C-alpha atoms as a PDB file:
ATOM      1  CA  UNK A   1     115.751 -98.726 -26.751  1.00  0.00           C
ATOM      2  CA  UNK A   2     115.517 -96.184 -29.679  1.00  0.00           C
ATOM      3  CA  UNK A   3     111.600 -96.601 -29.501  1.00  0.00           C
ATOM      4  CA  UNK A   4     111.461 -96.415 -25.574  1.00  0.00           C
ATOM      5  CA  UNK A   5     113.491 -92.987 -25.748  1.00  0.00           C
ATOM      6  CA  UNK A   6     111.266 -91.629 -28.382  1.00  0.00           C
ATOM      7  CA  UNK A   7     108.362 -92.499 -26.407  1.00  0.00           C
ATOM      8  CA  UNK A   8     109.389 -91.063 -23.214  1.00  0.00           C
ATOM      9  CA  UNK A   9     110.523 -87.817 -25.160  1.00  0.00           C
ATOM     10  CA  UNK A  10     107.005 -87.585 -26.668  1.00  0.00           C
ATOM     11  CA  UNK A  11     105.686 -87.956 -23.371  1.00  0.00           C
ATOM     12  CA  UNK A  12     107.640 -85.208 -21.831  1.00  0.00           C
ATOM     13  CA  UNK A  13     107.084 -82.909 -24.901  1.00  0.00           C
ATOM     14  CA  UNK A  14     103.172 -83.526 -24.365  1.00  0.00           C
ATOM     15  CA  UNK A  15     103.589 -82.579 -20.681  1.00  0.00           C
ATOM     16  CA  UNK A  16     105.450 -79.561 -21.333  1.00  0.00           C
ATOM     17  CA  UNK A  17     103.080 -78.626 -24.158  1.00  0.00           C
ATOM     18  CA  UNK A  18     100.030 -79.015 -22.121  1.00  0.00           C
ATOM     19  CA  UNK A  19     101.533 -76.763 -19.259  1.00  0.00           C
ATOM     20  CA  UNK A  20     102.191 -74.260 -21.783  1.00  0.00           C
ATOM     21  CA  UNK A  21      98.712 -74.490 -23.152  1.00  0.00           C
ATOM     22  CA  UNK A  22      97.246 -74.151 -19.675  1.00  0.00           C
ATOM     23  CA  UNK A  23      99.217 -71.300 -18.714  1.00  0.00           C
ATOM     24  CA  UNK A  24      98.628 -69.450 -22.091  1.00  0.00           C
ATOM     25  CA  UNK A  25      94.579 -69.930 -21.775  1.00  0.00           C
ATOM     26  CA  UNK A  26      94.627 -68.600 -18.062  1.00  0.00           C
ATOM     27  CA  UNK A  27      96.732 -65.638 -18.781  1.00  0.00           C
ATOM     28  CA  UNK A  28      95.301 -64.677 -22.061  1.00  0.00           C
ATOM     29  CA  UNK A  29      91.955 -64.495 -20.193  1.00  0.00           C
ATOM     30  CA  UNK A  30      93.075 -62.202 -17.526  1.00  0.00           C
ATOM     31  CA  UNK A  31      95.020 -60.093 -20.072  1.00  0.00           C
ATOM     32  CA  UNK A  32      91.886 -59.561 -22.021  1.00  0.00           C
ATOM     33  CA  UNK A  33      89.901 -58.687 -19.050  1.00  0.00           C
ATOM     34  CA  UNK A  34      92.515 -56.006 -18.161  1.00  0.00           C
ATOM     35  CA  UNK A  35      92.217 -54.853 -21.491  1.00  0.00           C
ATOM     36  CA  UNK A  36      88.449 -54.771 -21.820  1.00  0.00           C
ATOM     37  CA  UNK A  37      88.173 -53.140 -18.174  1.00  0.00           C
ATOM     38  CA  UNK A  38      90.425 -50.142 -19.456  1.00  0.00           C
ATOM     39  CA  UNK A  39      88.161 -49.702 -22.328  1.00  0.00           C
ATOM     40  CA  UNK A  40      85.100 -49.973 -20.103  1.00  0.00           C
ATOM     41  CA  UNK A  41      86.551 -47.275 -17.889  1.00  0.00           C
ATOM     42  CA  UNK A  42      86.848 -45.209 -20.984  1.00  0.00           C
ATOM     43  CA  UNK A  43      83.380 -45.995 -22.137  1.00  0.00           C
ATOM     44  CA  UNK A  44      84.832 -47.890 -25.436  1.00  0.00           C
ATOM     45  CA  UNK A  45      83.628 -51.209 -25.171  1.00  0.00           C
ATOM     46  CA  UNK A  46      82.846 -50.849 -29.060  1.00  0.00           C
ATOM     47  CA  UNK A  47      86.644 -50.813 -29.770  1.00  0.00           C
ATOM     48  CA  UNK A  48      87.734 -49.547 -33.003  1.00  0.00           C
ATOM     49  CA  UNK A  49      90.777 -50.954 -34.868  1.00  0.00           C
ATOM     50  CA  UNK A  50      90.310 -53.920 -32.137  1.00  0.00           C
ATOM     51  CA  UNK A  51      93.275 -55.901 -33.156  1.00  0.00           C
ATOM     52  CA  UNK A  52      95.810 -52.994 -33.354  1.00  0.00           C
ATOM     53  CA  UNK A  53      94.515 -51.676 -30.019  1.00  0.00           C
ATOM     54  CA  UNK A  54      94.867 -54.958 -28.311  1.00  0.00           C
ATOM     55  CA  UNK A  55      98.313 -55.515 -29.821  1.00  0.00           C
ATOM     56  CA  UNK A  56      99.557 -52.162 -28.312  1.00  0.00           C
ATOM     57  CA  UNK A  57      97.861 -52.944 -24.916  1.00  0.00           C
ATOM     58  CA  UNK A  58     100.414 -52.930 -22.003  1.00  0.00           C
ATOM     59  CA  UNK A  59      98.946 -53.186 -18.677  1.00  0.00           C
ATOM     60  CA  UNK A  60     100.915 -51.459 -15.913  1.00  0.00           C
ATOM     61  CA  UNK A  61     100.931 -52.112 -11.969  1.00  0.00           C
ATOM     62  CA  UNK A  62      98.203 -49.372 -11.536  1.00  0.00           C
ATOM     63  CA  UNK A  63      95.731 -51.061 -13.692  1.00  0.00           C
ATOM     64  CA  UNK A  64      96.558 -54.419 -12.195  1.00  0.00           C
ATOM     65  CA  UNK A  65      96.162 -53.034  -8.795  1.00  0.00           C
ATOM     66  CA  UNK A  66      92.810 -51.459  -9.494  1.00  0.00           C
ATOM     67  CA  UNK A  67      91.568 -54.569 -11.315  1.00  0.00           C
ATOM     68  CA  UNK A  68      92.427 -56.715  -8.102  1.00  0.00           C
ATOM     69  CA  UNK A  69      90.810 -54.258  -6.056  1.00  0.00           C
ATOM     70  CA  UNK A  70      87.227 -54.734  -7.916  1.00  0.00           C
ATOM     71  CA  UNK A  71      87.615 -58.578  -8.010  1.00  0.00           C
ATOM     72  CA  UNK A  72      87.387 -58.010  -3.871  1.00  0.00           C
ATOM     73  CA  UNK A  73      84.118 -56.083  -4.282  1.00  0.00           C
ATOM     74  CA  UNK A  74      81.250 -58.102  -2.515  1.00  0.00           C
ATOM     75  CA  UNK A  75      78.257 -56.843  -4.378  1.00  0.00           C
ATOM     76  CA  UNK A  76      77.398 -55.865  -7.759  1.00  0.00           C
ATOM     77  CA  UNK A  77      76.088 -52.620  -6.627  1.00  0.00           C
ATOM     78  CA  UNK A  78      79.734 -51.988  -5.136  1.00  0.00           C
ATOM     79  CA  UNK A  79      81.350 -48.876  -6.934  1.00  0.00           C
ATOM     80  CA  UNK A  80      84.665 -49.119  -8.590  1.00  0.00           C
ATOM     81  CA  UNK A  81      87.159 -47.048  -6.851  1.00  0.00           C
ATOM     82  CA  UNK A  82      87.438 -43.448  -7.819  1.00  0.00           C
ATOM     83  CA  UNK A  83      84.215 -43.853 -10.080  1.00  0.00           C
ATOM     84  CA  UNK A  84      80.502 -43.819  -9.495  1.00  0.00           C
ATOM     85  CA  UNK A  85      80.167 -46.978 -11.658  1.00  0.00           C
ATOM     86  CA  UNK A  86      78.766 -50.125 -10.180  1.00  0.00           C
ATOM     87  CA  UNK A  87      81.006 -53.325 -10.671  1.00  0.00           C
ATOM     88  CA  UNK A  88      77.802 -55.238 -11.827  1.00  0.00           C
ATOM     89  CA  UNK A  89      77.779 -53.049 -15.079  1.00  0.00           C
ATOM     90  CA  UNK A  90      81.349 -54.020 -15.873  1.00  0.00           C
ATOM     91  CA  UNK A  91      80.510 -57.695 -15.472  1.00  0.00           C
ATOM     92  CA  UNK A  92      77.323 -57.260 -17.455  1.00  0.00           C
ATOM     93  CA  UNK A  93      79.497 -55.564 -20.315  1.00  0.00           C
ATOM     94  CA  UNK A  94      82.086 -58.323 -20.150  1.00  0.00           C
ATOM     95  CA  UNK A  95      79.874 -61.276 -20.644  1.00  0.00           C
ATOM     96  CA  UNK A  96      78.050 -59.374 -23.587  1.00  0.00           C
ATOM     97  CA  UNK A  97      81.193 -58.486 -25.126  1.00  0.00           C
ATOM     98  CA  UNK A  98      82.688 -61.957 -24.889  1.00  0.00           C
ATOM     99  CA  UNK A  99      79.216 -63.478 -26.421  1.00  0.00           C
ATOM    100  CA  UNK A 100      79.278 -60.705 -29.303  1.00  0.00           C
ATOM    101  CA  UNK A 101      83.112 -61.360 -29.982  1.00  0.00           C
ATOM    102  CA  UNK A 102      83.198 -65.055 -29.463  1.00  0.00           C
ATOM    103  CA  UNK A 103      84.408 -65.625 -33.103  1.00  0.00           C
ATOM    104  CA  UNK A 104      87.417 -63.568 -32.992  1.00  0.00           C
ATOM    105  CA  UNK A 105      88.681 -64.665 -29.487  1.00  0.00           C
ATOM    106  CA  UNK A 106      91.350 -66.963 -31.138  1.00  0.00           C
ATOM    107  CA  UNK A 107      92.925 -64.282 -33.131  1.00  0.00           C
ATOM    108  CA  UNK A 108      93.196 -61.974 -30.123  1.00  0.00           C
ATOM    109  CA  UNK A 109      94.660 -64.992 -28.344  1.00  0.00           C
ATOM    110  CA  UNK A 110      97.371 -65.395 -30.987  1.00  0.00           C
ATOM    111  CA  UNK A 111      98.096 -61.787 -30.519  1.00  0.00           C
ATOM    112  CA  UNK A 112      98.542 -62.001 -26.904  1.00  0.00           C
ATOM    113  CA  UNK A 113     100.695 -65.269 -27.327  1.00  0.00           C
ATOM    114  CA  UNK A 114     103.219 -63.581 -30.018  1.00  0.00           C
ATOM    115  CA  UNK A 115     103.408 -60.179 -28.283  1.00  0.00           C
ATOM    116  CA  UNK A 116     103.183 -60.517 -24.450  1.00  0.00           C
ATOM    117  CA  UNK A 117     103.731 -64.227 -23.630  1.00  0.00           C
ATOM    118  CA  UNK A 118     106.689 -66.270 -23.139  1.00  0.00           C
ATOM    119  CA  UNK A 119     107.940 -68.054 -26.217  1.00  0.00           C
ATOM    120  CA  UNK A 120     107.321 -71.875 -26.303  1.00  0.00           C
ATOM    121  CA  UNK A 121     111.211 -72.395 -26.849  1.00  0.00           C
ATOM    122  CA  UNK A 122     111.962 -70.311 -23.789  1.00  0.00           C
ATOM    123  CA  UNK A 123     109.301 -72.036 -21.595  1.00  0.00           C
ATOM    124  CA  UNK A 124     110.594 -75.488 -22.904  1.00  0.00           C
ATOM    125  CA  UNK A 125     113.963 -74.579 -21.856  1.00  0.00           C
ATOM    126  CA  UNK A 126     112.695 -73.501 -18.136  1.00  0.00           C
ATOM    127  CA  UNK A 127     110.541 -76.834 -17.971  1.00  0.00           C
ATOM    128  CA  UNK A 128     113.179 -79.260 -19.019  1.00  0.00           C
ATOM    129  CA  UNK A 129     116.441 -77.676 -17.451  1.00  0.00           C
ATOM    130  CA  UNK A 130     114.799 -76.657 -13.931  1.00  0.00           C
ATOM    131  CA  UNK A 131     114.821 -79.048 -11.225  1.00  0.00           C
ATOM    132  CA  UNK A 132     111.138 -80.161 -10.509  1.00  0.00           C
ATOM    133  CA  UNK A 133     110.623 -79.601  -6.979  1.00  0.00           C
ATOM    134  CA  UNK A 134     108.319 -77.331  -5.308  1.00  0.00           C
ATOM    135  CA  UNK A 135     110.065 -73.906  -4.591  1.00  0.00           C
ATOM    136  CA  UNK A 136     108.332 -73.573  -1.230  1.00  0.00           C
ATOM    137  CA  UNK A 137     108.163 -76.984   0.310  1.00  0.00           C
ATOM    138  CA  UNK A 138     110.722 -79.005  -1.704  1.00  0.00           C
ATOM    139  CA  UNK A 139     108.271 -82.016  -2.663  1.00  0.00           C
ATOM    140  CA  UNK A 140     108.925 -83.488  -6.184  1.00  0.00           C
ATOM    141  CA  UNK A 141     106.611 -85.133  -8.542  1.00  0.00           C
ATOM    142  CA  UNK A 142     108.272 -88.484  -7.581  1.00  0.00           C
ATOM    143  CA  UNK A 143     107.557 -88.164  -3.999  1.00  0.00           C
ATOM    144  CA  UNK A 144     103.893 -87.137  -4.759  1.00  0.00           C
ATOM    145  CA  UNK A 145     103.378 -90.188  -6.825  1.00  0.00           C
ATOM    146  CA  UNK A 146     104.842 -92.393  -3.905  1.00  0.00           C
ATOM    147  CA  UNK A 147     102.545 -90.693  -1.376  1.00  0.00           C
ATOM    148  CA  UNK A 148      99.550 -91.087  -3.778  1.00  0.00           C
ATOM    149  CA  UNK A 149     100.396 -95.028  -3.986  1.00  0.00           C
ATOM    150  CA  UNK A 150     100.857 -95.111  -0.253  1.00  0.00           C
ATOM    151  CA  UNK A 151      97.358 -93.368   0.196  1.00  0.00           C
ATOM    152  CA  UNK A 152      99.066 -90.606   2.061  1.00  0.00           C
ATOM    153  CA  UNK A 153      97.415 -87.626  -0.033  1.00  0.00           C
ATOM    154  CA  UNK A 154      93.942 -87.103   0.725  1.00  0.00           C
ATOM    155  CA  UNK A 155      92.876 -84.090  -1.476  1.00  0.00           C
ATOM    156  CA  UNK A 156      89.834 -84.836  -3.608  1.00  0.00           C
ATOM    157  CA  UNK A 157      91.038 -82.743  -6.681  1.00  0.00           C
ATOM    158  CA  UNK A 158      93.828 -85.168  -7.718  1.00  0.00           C
ATOM    159  CA  UNK A 159      91.706 -85.734 -10.931  1.00  0.00           C
ATOM    160  CA  UNK A 160      92.424 -82.255 -11.940  1.00  0.00           C
ATOM    161  CA  UNK A 161      95.282 -81.009  -9.800  1.00  0.00           C
ATOM    162  CA  UNK A 162      98.020 -82.398  -7.521  1.00  0.00           C
ATOM    163  CA  UNK A 163      99.930 -85.074  -9.530  1.00  0.00           C
ATOM    164  CA  UNK A 164     102.231 -82.854 -11.331  1.00  0.00           C
ATOM    165  CA  UNK A 165     103.961 -79.533 -10.196  1.00  0.00           C
ATOM    166  CA  UNK A 166     102.492 -76.238 -11.225  1.00  0.00           C
ATOM    167  CA  UNK A 167     104.213 -73.028 -12.233  1.00  0.00           C
ATOM    168  CA  UNK A 168     103.955 -69.814 -10.274  1.00  0.00           C
ATOM    169  CA  UNK A 169     105.562 -66.414 -10.673  1.00  0.00           C
ATOM    170  CA  UNK A 170     107.958 -64.772  -8.391  1.00  0.00           C
ATOM    171  CA  UNK A 171     106.596 -61.470  -9.027  1.00  0.00           C
ATOM    172  CA  UNK A 172     102.653 -61.796  -9.750  1.00  0.00           C
ATOM    173  CA  UNK A 173     102.539 -58.533 -11.698  1.00  0.00           C
ATOM    174  CA  UNK A 174     105.460 -59.483 -13.916  1.00  0.00           C
ATOM    175  CA  UNK A 175     105.304 -61.650 -17.183  1.00  0.00           C
ATOM    176  CA  UNK A 176     106.116 -65.273 -17.528  1.00  0.00           C
ATOM    177  CA  UNK A 177     109.692 -65.472 -18.245  1.00  0.00           C
ATOM    178  CA  UNK A 178     112.507 -67.867 -17.094  1.00  0.00           C
ATOM    179  CA  UNK A 179     113.735 -65.445 -14.489  1.00  0.00           C
ATOM    180  CA  UNK A 180     110.268 -64.996 -12.991  1.00  0.00           C
ATOM    181  CA  UNK A 181     108.908 -68.814 -12.902  1.00  0.00           C
ATOM    182  CA  UNK A 182     109.157 -71.334 -10.528  1.00  0.00           C
ATOM    183  CA  UNK A 183     107.795 -74.939  -9.791  1.00  0.00           C
ATOM    184  CA  UNK A 184     105.381 -75.223  -6.763  1.00  0.00           C
ATOM    185  CA  UNK A 185     103.023 -78.016  -5.767  1.00  0.00           C
ATOM    186  CA  UNK A 186      99.351 -77.611  -5.766  1.00  0.00           C
ATOM    187  CA  UNK A 187      99.085 -77.400  -2.209  1.00  0.00           C
ATOM    188  CA  UNK A 188     101.496 -74.490  -2.018  1.00  0.00           C
ATOM    189  CA  UNK A 189     100.046 -72.833  -4.930  1.00  0.00           C
ATOM    190  CA  UNK A 190      96.797 -73.173  -3.472  1.00  0.00           C
ATOM    191  CA  UNK A 191      97.410 -71.734  -0.172  1.00  0.00           C
ATOM    192  CA  UNK A 192      99.635 -68.857  -1.457  1.00  0.00           C
ATOM    193  CA  UNK A 193      97.360 -67.628  -4.154  1.00  0.00           C
ATOM    194  CA  UNK A 194      97.910 -63.840  -4.809  1.00  0.00           C
ATOM    195  CA  UNK A 195      97.512 -63.056  -1.224  1.00  0.00           C
ATOM    196  CA  UNK A 196     101.099 -63.722   0.046  1.00  0.00           C
ATOM    197  CA  UNK A 197     104.563 -62.698  -1.490  1.00  0.00           C
ATOM    198  CA  UNK A 198     107.188 -65.242  -2.292  1.00  0.00           C
ATOM    199  CA  UNK A 199     109.026 -64.168   1.031  1.00  0.00           C
ATOM    200  CA  UNK A 200     106.006 -64.109   3.176  1.00  0.00           C
ATOM    201  CA  UNK A 201     105.088 -67.761   1.909  1.00  0.00           C
ATOM    202  CA  UNK A 202     108.668 -69.194   2.518  1.00  0.00           C
ATOM    203  CA  UNK A 203     108.157 -70.106   6.224  1.00  0.00           C
ATOM    204  CA  UNK A 204     104.680 -71.647   5.380  1.00  0.00           C
ATOM    205  CA  UNK A 205     106.445 -73.635   3.039  1.00  0.00           C
ATOM    206  CA  UNK A 206     108.833 -74.914   5.650  1.00  0.00           C
ATOM    207  CA  UNK A 207     105.871 -76.052   7.811  1.00  0.00           C
ATOM    208  CA  UNK A 208     104.221 -77.802   5.008  1.00  0.00           C
ATOM    209  CA  UNK A 209     107.750 -79.492   4.105  1.00  0.00           C
ATOM    210  CA  UNK A 210     107.845 -80.947   7.787  1.00  0.00           C
ATOM    211  CA  UNK A 211     104.404 -82.221   7.348  1.00  0.00           C
ATOM    212  CA  UNK A 212     105.375 -84.005   3.989  1.00  0.00           C
ATOM    213  CA  UNK A 213     108.247 -85.574   5.779  1.00  0.00           C
ATOM    214  CA  UNK A 214     106.106 -87.108   8.617  1.00  0.00           C
ATOM    215  CA  UNK A 215     103.802 -88.662   5.925  1.00  0.00           C
ATOM    216  CA  UNK A 216     106.481 -89.741   3.573  1.00  0.00           C
END
C-alpha cells in the first residue's frame, strides 16, 4: 500500500508540475512580448541593463489594452494606435530580437518566474485543494474520462487538450494567484478565450452544462 500511495502522489505531483510549467511558459512569452513592445515604442530594442530593466518591468492595464488592440490588426501595414508605426515593423523587430537573444531567454524566464509569477507552493496549494470541476459548466475530469470511454466526446484535439481541466484567470489582466484562478474545461476555455468576461460567460456555461447532461 505504501508503494501505491507513493506512486499516486508522484503522479499528482507530476500533473501539478506540468500545469505549472505550461502556465509559466505561456505567460512568460506574453510578458516578454509586452516588455519588448514597450521598448519598441520607445525605440529601445537594444536594451541597456536588460536584466535589471526586465526585473523592474510592471505592465499596467493601459499597456495590456494597447497590446490587445494591435493583436487585432489585420494587416502588417496597419498602424499601431496613436502612432504612425506599422504593426509589421514590430513583428519583424520581435522575431529579430528573439533570434539574437535566444541564449538568454532562460535567464529572463527565471526573472519572470521569481518576480511576477505565482510561487510553486501557492500553485500546488490551489491545484491540490480546489475542487476540480469546470467553474462554468461544472464538468469534472472523471466525467470527461467516462465520456471519452463512451465515445461521447468528439473533439479531434484530445491528444493535446481536453482530458484534464485547464486554468483560467477570473480577471485576465490580473496575475496568477489563488484568488484569481479557477478550473475550467477545454471547451469552456476555448469558447470564452479573452472575449467574454467571467459574468458574461456564465450563462453560456449553463447551456454547455445541459449538453453534457444529455451526453452523460
